[in-house]
Protein backbone atom coordinates (compact mmCIF):
# COMPACT_ATOMS: atom_id res chain seq x y z
CA MET A 1 24.21 -7.62 48.14
CA LYS A 2 26.35 -10.31 49.28
CA MET A 3 28.09 -10.62 46.26
CA LYS A 4 28.57 -6.61 46.21
CA ASN A 5 29.90 -6.82 49.77
CA LYS A 6 32.10 -9.72 49.11
CA LEU A 7 33.77 -7.75 46.01
CA TYR A 8 34.18 -4.53 48.29
CA PHE A 9 36.01 -6.64 50.97
CA LEU A 10 38.55 -8.21 48.17
CA SER A 11 38.94 -4.35 46.53
CA ALA A 12 40.12 -3.78 50.66
CA LEU A 13 42.63 -6.22 50.23
CA ALA A 14 43.38 -6.92 46.96
CA ILE A 15 46.62 -5.48 45.22
CA VAL A 16 46.48 -3.17 42.46
CA LEU A 17 47.49 -4.58 39.39
CA LEU A 18 50.09 -2.25 38.08
CA THR A 19 52.28 -3.19 35.01
CA SER A 20 55.02 -3.87 37.27
CA CYS A 21 53.30 -5.39 40.00
CA GLY A 22 51.15 -7.76 38.44
CA ASP A 23 49.76 -11.32 39.38
CA LEU A 24 52.56 -14.00 39.16
CA THR A 25 50.17 -17.04 39.66
CA ARG A 26 49.93 -17.23 35.49
CA ASP A 27 51.28 -20.50 34.14
CA MET A 28 54.77 -20.57 32.85
CA GLU A 29 56.35 -22.65 29.84
CA PRO A 30 58.08 -25.48 30.79
CA TYR A 31 60.66 -24.85 28.20
CA LEU A 32 61.79 -21.66 27.60
CA THR A 33 65.13 -19.95 26.05
CA GLN A 34 67.57 -17.85 28.24
CA GLN A 35 65.67 -14.55 27.06
CA GLN A 36 62.14 -15.78 27.85
CA VAL A 37 63.80 -16.76 31.71
CA SER A 38 65.64 -13.30 31.81
CA SER A 39 62.06 -11.53 30.77
CA GLN A 40 60.19 -13.93 33.85
CA TYR A 41 63.51 -13.42 36.12
CA ASN A 42 63.32 -9.61 35.20
CA TYR A 43 59.67 -9.68 35.86
CA LEU A 44 59.82 -11.30 39.54
CA LYS A 45 62.28 -8.75 39.73
CA SER A 46 59.98 -5.75 39.32
CA GLN A 47 57.36 -7.37 41.42
CA GLN A 48 59.80 -7.49 44.52
CA VAL A 49 61.14 -3.90 44.22
CA CYS A 50 57.27 -3.25 44.32
CA LEU A 51 57.02 -4.77 47.52
CA TYR A 52 58.63 -1.85 49.20
CA ALA A 53 56.61 0.94 47.41
CA ASP A 54 54.31 0.29 51.36
CA MET A 55 56.52 1.21 53.88
CA ASN A 56 55.82 4.16 55.68
CA ASP A 57 57.16 7.66 54.37
CA GLY A 58 56.92 9.99 57.04
CA PHE A 59 57.47 12.78 55.50
CA LEU A 60 53.99 12.98 53.48
CA ALA A 61 51.97 10.65 56.33
CA LEU A 62 48.90 13.37 56.52
CA GLY A 63 48.76 14.32 53.15
CA ASN A 64 51.71 16.87 53.30
CA ALA A 65 52.00 16.96 57.02
CA MET A 66 53.75 14.78 59.33
CA MET A 67 52.22 12.49 61.91
CA ALA A 68 54.23 14.97 64.27
CA SER A 69 51.50 17.57 63.52
CA ALA A 70 49.12 14.61 64.76
CA GLY A 71 50.63 15.06 68.53
CA ASP A 72 52.76 17.47 70.94
CA GLU A 73 55.27 17.90 68.72
CA ALA A 74 54.05 20.21 66.11
CA GLU A 75 50.87 22.19 64.71
CA TYR A 76 50.38 22.11 60.87
CA THR A 77 49.42 25.08 59.76
CA TYR A 78 46.94 23.68 57.07
CA LYS A 79 45.18 21.54 59.16
CA GLY A 80 43.67 19.00 57.48
CA GLY A 81 43.70 15.45 58.57
CA ALA A 82 46.09 16.47 61.40
CA GLN A 83 43.42 18.83 63.13
CA THR A 84 40.55 16.07 62.84
CA ILE A 85 43.02 13.72 65.00
CA ASN A 86 43.73 16.95 67.44
CA SER A 87 40.05 17.69 67.62
CA GLY A 88 38.98 14.49 68.71
CA SER A 89 36.52 14.33 65.53
CA TRP A 90 37.58 11.43 64.20
CA ASN A 91 35.72 7.55 64.43
CA ALA A 92 35.39 4.67 62.78
CA PHE A 93 33.94 6.06 59.64
CA THR A 94 36.62 9.07 59.25
CA ASN A 95 40.11 8.49 60.28
CA PRO A 96 42.77 10.77 58.29
CA ASP A 97 45.53 7.67 59.33
CA ASP A 98 42.93 4.51 58.41
CA VAL A 99 45.79 2.25 56.75
CA TRP A 100 43.72 -0.75 56.87
CA ASP A 101 43.67 -1.28 53.06
CA LYS A 102 46.64 0.57 52.34
CA TYR A 103 48.25 -2.35 54.49
CA TYR A 104 46.65 -5.32 53.70
CA LYS A 105 47.02 -4.55 50.06
CA ALA A 106 50.68 -4.62 50.76
CA ILE A 107 50.49 -7.77 52.68
CA ARG A 108 48.26 -9.17 49.73
CA LYS A 109 51.14 -8.44 47.48
CA VAL A 110 53.71 -10.26 49.50
CA ASN A 111 51.36 -13.21 49.35
CA VAL A 112 51.19 -13.27 45.35
CA PHE A 113 55.04 -12.65 45.50
CA LEU A 114 55.57 -15.63 47.31
CA ALA A 115 52.88 -17.79 46.00
CA GLY A 116 54.34 -17.17 42.43
CA SER A 117 58.42 -17.03 43.65
CA ASP A 118 59.07 -20.80 42.61
CA SER A 119 57.44 -20.48 39.34
CA VAL A 120 60.03 -19.06 37.30
CA ASN A 121 61.70 -21.43 35.12
CA LEU A 122 65.63 -21.19 35.17
CA ASP A 123 66.31 -24.80 33.06
CA ALA A 124 67.82 -23.28 30.34
CA TYR A 125 70.76 -21.79 32.49
CA LYS A 126 70.39 -25.09 34.56
CA ASN A 127 70.61 -27.45 31.65
CA ASP A 128 73.72 -25.64 30.31
CA PRO A 129 77.08 -26.77 31.28
CA SER A 130 79.01 -23.72 30.46
CA THR A 131 80.55 -22.22 33.28
CA SER A 132 78.97 -18.67 32.43
CA ALA A 133 75.48 -20.55 32.47
CA GLN A 134 75.83 -22.32 35.61
CA ALA A 135 77.38 -19.33 37.48
CA VAL A 136 74.15 -17.03 36.20
CA TYR A 137 71.64 -20.07 37.48
CA GLN A 138 73.35 -20.47 41.06
CA THR A 139 73.13 -16.32 41.41
CA ARG A 140 69.48 -16.09 40.43
CA LEU A 141 68.75 -18.71 42.84
CA ALA A 142 70.58 -16.99 45.63
CA GLU A 143 68.59 -14.19 44.45
CA ILE A 144 65.25 -15.16 44.03
CA LYS A 145 66.00 -16.79 47.71
CA ASN A 146 66.92 -13.70 49.24
CA TRP A 147 63.80 -12.03 47.50
CA LYS A 148 61.28 -14.18 49.31
CA TYR A 149 63.05 -13.51 52.98
CA GLU A 150 63.12 -9.91 52.07
CA ALA A 151 59.27 -10.18 51.38
CA ARG A 152 58.63 -12.38 54.19
CA PHE A 153 60.20 -8.98 56.39
CA LEU A 154 58.22 -6.23 54.78
CA ARG A 155 55.06 -8.35 55.70
CA ALA A 156 56.05 -8.71 58.98
CA TYR A 157 56.93 -4.88 58.88
CA TYR A 158 53.27 -4.46 57.55
CA TYR A 159 51.61 -6.00 60.28
CA PHE A 160 53.88 -4.29 63.16
CA GLU A 161 52.08 -1.19 61.24
CA LEU A 162 48.72 -2.47 61.49
CA VAL A 163 49.15 -4.31 65.37
CA LYS A 164 50.69 -0.96 66.65
CA ARG A 165 47.63 1.02 65.32
CA TYR A 166 44.46 -1.71 65.73
CA GLY A 167 45.86 -4.29 67.99
CA GLY A 168 45.01 -8.17 66.83
CA VAL A 169 44.40 -7.94 63.28
CA PRO A 170 43.76 -10.88 61.00
CA LEU A 171 46.58 -12.79 59.79
CA ILE A 172 46.02 -13.45 56.40
CA ASN A 173 48.89 -15.29 54.65
CA ASN A 174 47.35 -16.74 51.83
CA ILE A 175 45.84 -15.19 48.64
CA LEU A 176 41.99 -14.34 48.96
CA ASN A 177 39.54 -14.80 45.67
CA LEU A 178 35.57 -14.51 45.45
CA ASN A 179 35.27 -18.42 46.94
CA THR A 180 37.08 -17.14 50.33
CA ASP A 181 34.52 -18.00 53.11
CA PHE A 182 34.85 -14.78 54.83
CA SER A 183 32.90 -15.99 57.96
CA LYS A 184 36.09 -17.93 58.48
CA ILE A 185 38.50 -14.91 59.05
CA ASN A 186 38.57 -13.41 62.46
CA ARG A 187 40.76 -10.81 64.27
CA ASN A 188 43.90 -12.80 65.35
CA THR A 189 44.92 -12.03 69.46
CA LEU A 190 47.33 -9.52 69.80
CA ASP A 191 49.55 -12.34 71.65
CA GLU A 192 49.12 -14.11 68.41
CA CYS A 193 50.15 -11.12 65.64
CA ILE A 194 53.24 -10.73 68.05
CA SER A 195 54.39 -14.02 68.03
CA PHE A 196 53.99 -14.23 64.04
CA ILE A 197 56.09 -10.70 63.42
CA THR A 198 59.12 -11.89 65.91
CA SER A 199 58.72 -15.50 64.41
CA GLU A 200 59.21 -14.23 61.53
CA CYS A 201 62.02 -11.75 62.25
CA ASP A 202 63.77 -14.45 63.57
CA SER A 203 63.48 -16.62 60.67
CA VAL A 204 64.38 -14.22 57.99
CA SER A 205 67.46 -13.16 60.57
CA LYS A 206 68.63 -16.58 61.15
CA ASP A 207 72.08 -17.69 59.73
CA GLY A 208 71.73 -18.01 55.94
CA ALA A 209 69.16 -16.34 55.24
CA LEU A 210 69.01 -12.19 55.16
CA PRO A 211 72.69 -11.22 54.71
CA VAL A 212 73.95 -8.41 57.57
CA THR A 213 75.20 -6.30 54.53
CA TYR A 214 75.05 -5.81 50.57
CA PRO A 215 78.03 -4.79 48.55
CA LEU A 216 76.53 -2.55 46.14
CA ASP A 217 74.80 0.97 47.06
CA VAL A 218 72.28 0.20 44.69
CA ASP A 219 71.08 -2.33 47.51
CA LEU A 220 70.86 0.23 50.06
CA GLY A 221 67.16 0.48 51.26
CA ARG A 222 66.84 -3.43 50.96
CA ALA A 223 65.91 -5.32 54.07
CA THR A 224 68.57 -6.66 56.03
CA LYS A 225 69.55 -9.29 58.73
CA GLY A 226 69.73 -6.25 61.23
CA ALA A 227 66.37 -4.70 59.52
CA ALA A 228 64.64 -8.06 61.01
CA MET A 229 66.06 -7.86 64.21
CA ALA A 230 65.61 -3.91 64.77
CA LEU A 231 61.91 -4.85 63.84
CA LYS A 232 61.89 -7.37 66.92
CA SER A 233 63.47 -5.19 68.76
CA ARG A 234 60.63 -2.63 68.71
CA MET A 235 57.94 -5.11 68.32
CA LEU A 236 59.01 -6.74 72.10
CA LEU A 237 59.61 -3.56 73.35
CA TYR A 238 55.82 -2.41 72.88
CA ALA A 239 54.93 -6.00 73.82
CA ALA A 240 56.20 -5.33 77.10
CA SER A 241 54.68 -1.82 77.52
CA ASP A 242 52.29 -0.64 79.98
CA LEU A 243 49.07 -0.32 77.06
CA PHE A 244 49.67 -4.37 76.15
CA ASN A 245 49.89 -5.17 79.41
CA THR A 246 46.99 -3.06 81.21
CA PRO A 247 43.61 -4.37 79.78
CA SER A 248 41.70 -2.23 82.71
CA TRP A 249 41.86 0.92 80.69
CA ALA A 250 39.13 -1.09 78.60
CA THR A 251 37.02 -2.50 81.57
CA GLY A 252 33.90 -4.42 80.44
CA TYR A 253 35.37 -5.25 76.81
CA SER A 254 34.68 -8.75 76.09
CA ASN A 255 37.56 -9.56 74.15
CA PRO A 256 40.54 -8.55 76.05
CA GLU A 257 42.96 -10.60 74.03
CA LEU A 258 42.48 -8.32 71.05
CA ILE A 259 44.18 -5.59 72.89
CA SER A 260 46.26 -7.04 75.67
CA VAL A 261 48.89 -10.07 76.37
CA ILE A 262 49.55 -12.02 79.60
CA GLY A 263 52.24 -13.26 80.91
CA ASP A 264 55.10 -12.31 83.23
CA ARG A 265 55.85 -8.78 82.51
CA THR A 266 59.83 -9.02 83.54
CA GLU A 267 60.32 -11.85 81.26
CA LYS A 268 58.72 -9.79 78.50
CA TRP A 269 61.36 -6.91 79.59
CA LYS A 270 64.28 -9.19 79.31
CA ALA A 271 63.07 -10.43 76.02
CA ALA A 272 62.60 -6.70 74.71
CA ALA A 273 66.50 -6.19 76.27
CA LYS A 274 67.89 -9.33 74.35
CA ALA A 275 66.70 -8.49 71.23
CA ALA A 276 68.05 -5.05 71.29
CA LYS A 277 71.32 -6.10 72.39
CA ASP A 278 71.43 -8.98 70.21
CA LEU A 279 71.10 -6.04 67.35
CA ILE A 280 73.72 -3.90 69.12
CA ASP A 281 76.21 -7.02 69.22
CA LEU A 282 75.52 -8.26 65.28
CA VAL A 283 78.88 -9.14 64.17
CA GLY A 284 79.97 -8.03 60.98
CA SER A 285 77.19 -4.62 61.44
CA THR A 286 78.79 -1.61 61.21
CA TYR A 287 76.03 0.75 62.81
CA THR A 288 77.23 3.44 64.55
CA LEU A 289 76.45 7.14 65.18
CA ILE A 290 77.04 9.27 62.80
CA SER A 291 78.49 12.92 64.02
CA ASN A 292 76.48 15.30 61.84
CA TYR A 293 72.97 14.74 63.82
CA GLY A 294 71.51 17.30 60.91
CA LEU A 295 72.46 14.81 58.29
CA ILE A 296 69.77 12.24 59.40
CA GLY A 297 67.28 11.54 56.41
CA LYS A 298 69.07 13.41 53.72
CA THR A 299 71.11 10.01 52.71
CA TYR A 300 70.65 6.94 52.48
CA ASN A 301 74.19 5.21 53.14
CA ASP A 302 75.35 6.52 56.61
CA PRO A 303 76.21 4.34 58.95
CA GLU A 304 73.74 4.79 61.80
CA LEU A 305 71.04 3.80 59.29
CA ILE A 306 69.33 0.37 59.54
CA LEU A 307 66.62 0.63 57.04
CA VAL A 308 65.47 3.21 55.38
CA ARG A 309 62.65 4.27 52.90
CA ARG A 310 64.27 5.30 49.80
CA ASN A 311 63.05 7.87 47.78
CA THR A 312 64.01 9.67 44.39
CA ALA A 313 65.12 12.60 44.59
CA TYR A 314 62.00 15.65 45.24
CA ASN A 315 61.54 19.29 46.99
CA THR A 316 57.92 18.25 47.81
CA TYR A 317 59.07 17.89 51.94
CA GLU A 318 60.92 21.77 51.68
CA THR A 319 58.15 23.64 49.60
CA ASN A 320 55.90 22.02 51.87
CA ASN A 321 58.08 23.15 54.97
CA TYR A 322 60.58 26.00 54.05
CA PRO A 323 59.73 28.73 56.07
CA ILE A 324 57.16 31.55 55.19
CA GLY A 325 58.55 34.56 53.56
CA TYR A 326 61.01 32.41 51.99
CA VAL A 327 59.58 32.53 48.26
CA VAL A 328 57.85 29.37 47.77
CA GLY A 329 57.83 27.87 51.15
CA LYS A 330 54.75 26.99 52.82
CA GLY A 331 55.55 26.77 56.26
CA GLY A 332 53.49 23.49 57.05
CA VAL A 333 55.05 21.84 60.01
CA THR A 334 55.51 24.06 62.99
CA PRO A 335 57.17 22.54 65.72
CA SER A 336 55.24 23.29 69.39
CA GLN A 337 57.25 25.11 72.68
CA ASN A 338 56.05 21.71 74.63
CA LEU A 339 58.57 19.68 72.78
CA VAL A 340 61.12 23.23 72.47
CA ASP A 341 61.04 23.16 75.91
CA ASP A 342 62.31 19.46 76.50
CA TYR A 343 65.09 20.24 74.89
CA GLU A 344 67.47 20.42 77.89
CA MET A 345 70.00 23.30 78.91
CA LYS A 346 73.63 22.07 77.44
CA ASP A 347 74.92 21.27 81.18
CA GLY A 348 71.89 18.79 81.43
CA THR A 349 69.28 20.49 83.71
CA LYS A 350 65.86 21.24 82.65
CA PHE A 351 64.82 24.33 80.55
CA GLU A 352 62.58 26.39 83.28
CA TRP A 353 60.42 29.37 81.87
CA ASN A 354 60.66 30.80 85.78
CA ASN A 355 64.20 31.31 85.44
CA PRO A 356 64.34 34.67 84.57
CA SER A 357 67.90 34.09 82.67
CA HIS A 358 66.01 31.04 80.48
CA LYS A 359 63.12 33.21 79.63
CA ALA A 360 65.22 35.98 78.55
CA SER A 361 67.03 34.15 75.91
CA PRO A 362 65.53 30.79 75.82
CA TYR A 363 67.31 29.43 72.55
CA ASN A 364 71.07 29.88 74.38
CA ASN A 365 72.65 27.09 75.75
CA ARG A 366 70.56 24.44 75.23
CA ASP A 367 70.74 20.89 73.62
CA PRO A 368 72.50 21.31 70.13
CA ARG A 369 69.89 18.94 68.68
CA LEU A 370 67.52 21.99 68.97
CA ALA A 371 69.30 24.18 66.47
CA LEU A 372 69.47 20.83 64.24
CA SER A 373 65.83 20.22 64.74
CA VAL A 374 64.22 23.33 64.83
CA TYR A 375 64.25 26.66 63.10
CA TYR A 376 63.46 29.13 66.09
CA HIS A 377 63.63 33.36 65.99
CA GLN A 378 66.89 34.34 64.64
CA SER A 379 67.91 31.33 63.63
CA LYS A 380 70.04 31.32 60.14
CA PHE A 381 68.08 30.09 56.94
CA LYS A 382 70.17 30.51 54.12
CA THR A 383 71.55 34.03 54.20
CA ILE A 384 68.78 35.69 56.16
CA TYR A 385 68.33 35.40 60.03
CA LEU A 386 64.52 34.00 60.59
CA ASP A 387 62.42 36.57 62.07
CA MET A 388 59.57 34.90 64.34
CA SER A 389 58.10 38.24 66.25
CA GLN A 390 55.26 40.22 66.37
CA GLY A 391 55.03 41.98 62.93
CA GLY A 392 58.12 39.91 61.82
CA ALA A 393 59.16 38.82 58.21
CA ASN A 394 58.47 35.15 59.02
CA GLY A 395 56.09 35.79 61.85
CA TYR A 396 53.00 37.01 63.03
CA GLY A 397 50.90 38.81 60.48
CA ILE A 398 51.85 37.05 57.59
CA ALA A 399 49.74 35.02 55.63
CA ASN A 400 50.10 31.22 56.77
CA ALA A 401 52.94 32.41 59.57
CA THR A 402 53.83 29.97 62.01
CA THR A 403 51.57 30.07 65.09
CA THR A 404 54.11 28.15 67.20
CA GLY A 405 56.94 30.78 66.46
CA TYR A 406 58.76 27.81 64.55
CA TYR A 407 59.46 26.09 61.77
CA ILE A 408 60.74 22.67 61.31
CA LYS A 409 63.84 22.23 60.01
CA LYS A 410 65.00 18.40 60.53
CA PHE A 411 65.44 16.58 57.34
CA ILE A 412 65.02 20.26 55.65
CA ASP A 413 67.62 20.47 52.73
CA GLU A 414 68.64 24.51 53.19
CA THR A 415 70.57 24.23 50.04
CA LEU A 416 67.70 24.22 47.46
CA ASP A 417 66.82 26.65 45.27
CA LEU A 418 63.27 26.23 44.87
CA THR A 419 62.24 28.84 42.36
CA LEU A 420 65.09 26.62 40.11
CA GLY A 421 63.33 23.09 40.88
CA ARG A 422 66.26 21.73 42.58
CA THR A 423 65.67 18.06 44.23
CA SER A 424 67.57 16.54 46.74
CA VAL A 425 67.72 13.05 48.28
CA HIS A 426 65.07 12.13 51.11
CA SER A 427 65.77 8.96 52.78
CA TRP A 428 62.72 7.93 55.54
CA PRO A 429 64.46 6.51 58.66
CA VAL A 430 62.76 3.31 59.16
CA PHE A 431 65.43 2.09 62.31
CA ARG A 432 68.46 3.42 63.03
CA ILE A 433 70.79 2.30 65.92
CA SER A 434 69.99 4.81 67.73
CA GLU A 435 66.62 3.72 68.55
CA ILE A 436 67.94 0.49 69.37
CA TYR A 437 70.81 1.92 72.19
CA LEU A 438 67.17 3.18 73.90
CA ASN A 439 65.50 0.49 73.22
CA TYR A 440 68.09 -1.48 75.18
CA ALA A 441 68.54 1.09 77.67
CA GLU A 442 64.12 1.38 78.47
CA ALA A 443 63.63 -2.37 78.59
CA LEU A 444 66.78 -2.96 81.20
CA ASN A 445 65.84 -0.19 83.72
CA GLU A 446 62.23 -2.51 83.75
CA TYR A 447 63.69 -5.28 84.79
CA ASP A 448 67.01 -4.66 86.15
CA PRO A 449 67.55 -0.81 87.66
CA GLY A 450 70.86 0.14 88.27
CA ASN A 451 72.75 -1.89 85.76
CA THR A 452 75.39 0.15 84.31
CA ASP A 453 74.67 -0.37 80.79
CA ILE A 454 71.57 1.72 81.33
CA SER A 455 73.49 5.10 81.46
CA LEU A 456 75.90 3.91 79.03
CA TYR A 457 73.21 3.33 76.00
CA ALA A 458 70.76 5.46 77.53
CA SER A 459 73.58 8.48 77.26
CA LYS A 460 75.02 7.56 73.45
CA THR A 461 72.76 9.51 71.34
CA ARG A 462 73.23 12.42 73.31
CA GLN A 463 77.00 12.08 73.71
CA ARG A 464 77.30 11.69 70.19
CA SER A 465 80.23 13.56 68.42
CA GLY A 466 79.07 16.93 67.23
CA ILE A 467 76.34 17.19 70.17
CA GLY A 468 78.37 16.48 73.73
CA MET A 469 75.50 16.47 76.43
CA PRO A 470 76.52 15.09 79.28
CA ALA A 471 75.83 11.63 80.33
CA ILE A 472 73.04 10.20 81.97
CA PRO A 473 74.17 9.61 86.01
CA SER A 474 73.95 6.47 86.79
CA THR A 475 72.87 6.73 90.31
CA LEU A 476 69.69 7.69 89.13
CA SER A 477 66.02 5.94 90.65
CA GLN A 478 64.27 3.50 88.11
CA SER A 479 61.73 6.25 88.06
CA ASP A 480 64.08 9.14 87.51
CA MET A 481 65.83 7.05 85.11
CA ARG A 482 62.82 5.84 83.04
CA ALA A 483 61.90 9.81 82.76
CA LYS A 484 65.49 10.49 81.29
CA ILE A 485 64.86 7.93 78.66
CA ARG A 486 61.95 8.62 77.98
CA ASN A 487 62.81 12.38 77.28
CA GLU A 488 65.72 11.19 75.02
CA ARG A 489 63.51 9.25 73.03
CA ARG A 490 61.44 12.45 72.50
CA ILE A 491 64.47 14.44 71.75
CA GLU A 492 66.69 11.91 69.62
CA LEU A 493 63.63 10.53 67.36
CA ALA A 494 62.19 13.92 66.96
CA PHE A 495 59.66 13.92 64.07
CA GLU A 496 60.39 10.51 63.18
CA ASP A 497 56.90 9.24 63.98
CA HIS A 498 57.45 7.48 67.54
CA ARG A 499 56.35 9.76 69.98
CA LEU A 500 52.54 9.05 69.25
CA TRP A 501 53.19 5.03 69.54
CA ASP A 502 55.59 6.07 72.82
CA VAL A 503 52.69 7.99 74.61
CA ARG A 504 50.21 5.37 73.53
CA ARG A 505 52.53 2.48 75.08
CA TRP A 506 53.35 4.13 78.00
CA MET A 507 49.93 5.16 78.63
CA THR A 508 50.65 8.70 79.26
CA ALA A 509 48.85 9.82 76.39
CA PRO A 510 45.72 11.04 78.04
CA VAL A 511 47.43 13.68 79.72
CA VAL A 512 50.37 14.28 77.55
CA LEU A 513 48.09 14.73 74.35
CA SER A 514 45.18 16.35 76.04
CA THR A 515 47.74 18.99 77.86
CA PRO A 516 47.42 22.30 75.22
CA LEU A 517 49.56 22.77 72.68
CA TYR A 518 51.94 25.80 73.07
CA GLY A 519 53.84 28.39 70.74
CA VAL A 520 55.87 31.54 71.84
CA LYS A 521 54.95 35.04 71.44
CA ILE A 522 57.86 37.00 70.63
CA THR A 523 57.53 40.87 71.04
CA PRO A 524 59.86 43.58 69.88
CA THR A 525 61.09 45.97 72.45
CA GLU A 526 63.38 48.52 72.19
CA PHE A 527 66.68 46.74 72.24
CA ASP A 528 65.97 42.90 72.26
CA TYR A 529 62.62 40.80 72.51
CA THR A 530 60.79 39.14 75.12
CA TYR A 531 59.16 35.83 74.90
CA GLU A 532 55.96 34.66 76.27
CA LYS A 533 55.11 31.26 76.52
CA VAL A 534 51.19 30.76 75.21
CA ILE A 535 48.34 28.55 74.21
CA VAL A 536 48.08 28.10 70.38
CA GLU A 537 45.37 25.05 70.31
CA GLN A 538 43.07 22.78 72.87
CA ARG A 539 43.85 19.22 71.94
CA VAL A 540 41.96 15.97 72.97
CA PHE A 541 42.57 12.11 73.77
CA GLU A 542 40.25 9.79 75.08
CA PRO A 543 41.21 6.31 76.62
CA LYS A 544 39.64 5.14 73.18
CA MET A 545 42.01 6.47 71.19
CA TYR A 546 45.16 3.96 72.73
CA PHE A 547 43.76 1.74 69.31
CA TYR A 548 42.18 2.83 66.36
CA PRO A 549 38.51 1.70 65.79
CA ILE A 550 38.24 -0.79 63.05
CA PRO A 551 37.14 0.83 60.27
CA GLN A 552 33.59 0.31 59.58
CA ARG A 553 33.34 -0.12 56.33
CA VAL A 554 34.94 -3.29 56.95
CA LEU A 555 32.96 -4.36 59.97
CA TYR A 556 29.94 -4.15 57.45
CA THR A 557 31.44 -6.58 54.70
CA ASN A 558 29.35 -9.78 54.43
CA GLY A 559 30.13 -12.75 56.58
CA VAL A 560 32.45 -10.58 58.75
CA ASN A 561 31.56 -10.52 62.50
CA TRP A 562 34.60 -9.26 63.86
CA PRO A 563 34.24 -6.72 67.85
CA GLN A 564 35.15 -3.22 67.68
CA ASN A 565 37.62 -1.78 69.50
CA PRO A 566 36.91 -0.74 72.90
CA LEU A 567 34.64 2.59 73.62
CA TRP A 568 34.41 3.00 69.78
């Protein structure tokens, strides 16, 4: 049984050995022809590309649902794993977003790659004095060096994805095998994990390491200096936030170092602000807001994008989410009224259901990002206008129609003809400059309220060309500015897998994610429609859900003696 458990643990951390993702540690012949050297080089290149495969793809995060459906942004029509999370019926045995194995496999792939990356024998070029051979030699040395920096960035990114879910996790940066003594592997503290992630970001973004840009389009999607700086910015923002600095929610937990850090909060906010501003000021970068907010996720080369997960062209996202009533469309992810209500009026004031004019025409004069992110009643879809009313072609009474009164529009390529199997590019935005502006504004407001940069950078996303929302006043109090910044993140980054983690780190999740999910009931009248806010579903969030439980199968592994996360 001991060997069986050890093998099980290894399987959770081991890479699946595919043809293009195999073991790099095999012996290399000391004398190789140029053809053999090129074969080894191409093999290593394939391995390096494979390291990106485990990056988050938010289009299909929970089966065919998005993480937005496991929070207050949306409902998933077909329930599934999102419903398990929303109902609170998940635990250490069953967690629809259990990514422990996925990311430790990804980390092991990086470790294997790094261990074998210096084994490629380039002597056939090195020892050839010809100009062409020497050029190849120098080029390949530089490429392998850069690949190693990319690999280290990806490992830091995968650790971040674990840390934001589980708190302190084991930092395993060598290759485990059957002789590994697992009793000596422990969970690292949260502070150690944060330090590792940020130090790796610093190391790979220093001068002479990752480039600011790549010269060829084919390289878009690879990690850059900006990507490493963006990861550092996000990590430090989390590290300064309430959740990582308030262990009192888990009173009595004997290992608070796994879920919290100590130190001066002001200094942490300063560090977070500096990390964001350093990226904003990065010399040589061309990061800037695009004028068409609706293009986000539909290309991989917009100047707004710092890092994306590039996917091959497909139509799965459209098939899953085109409105019911359109042939092939399944209407899966349906935005909530909770989210729609938080889009401001065009003049920057709050939408109010108790305002008669707002209630009578709830989609008029709203933040333009609403119409670019959500299909609402009478939105134009292709050549038709959607009817989400009672008895409407796309609403109540139609099988699997939206229960919230909305369909998702963000990331949707409306031009695709699914009956002909048409496809298009879908690139998941991992980091974009919009987030960094808001990271900077949030951190600055926490330690230097009143600084004029707060309003300036908090307003950039809402004032982009094509949106034109009014600037956030610089005269707001710190608490009012905080609320504005948080709402701006909610709107600007909607459906991009930020919301669930933001409300956790702000420690507002017990209220926000326990509030009922709302939709809208639309009733035809003789000449118009009436709109009524209605409860779609009750939701559950308990404090123990701030962090995921360590999967019980991992804790059962022989030799492992790790504490479970609090309250599970």
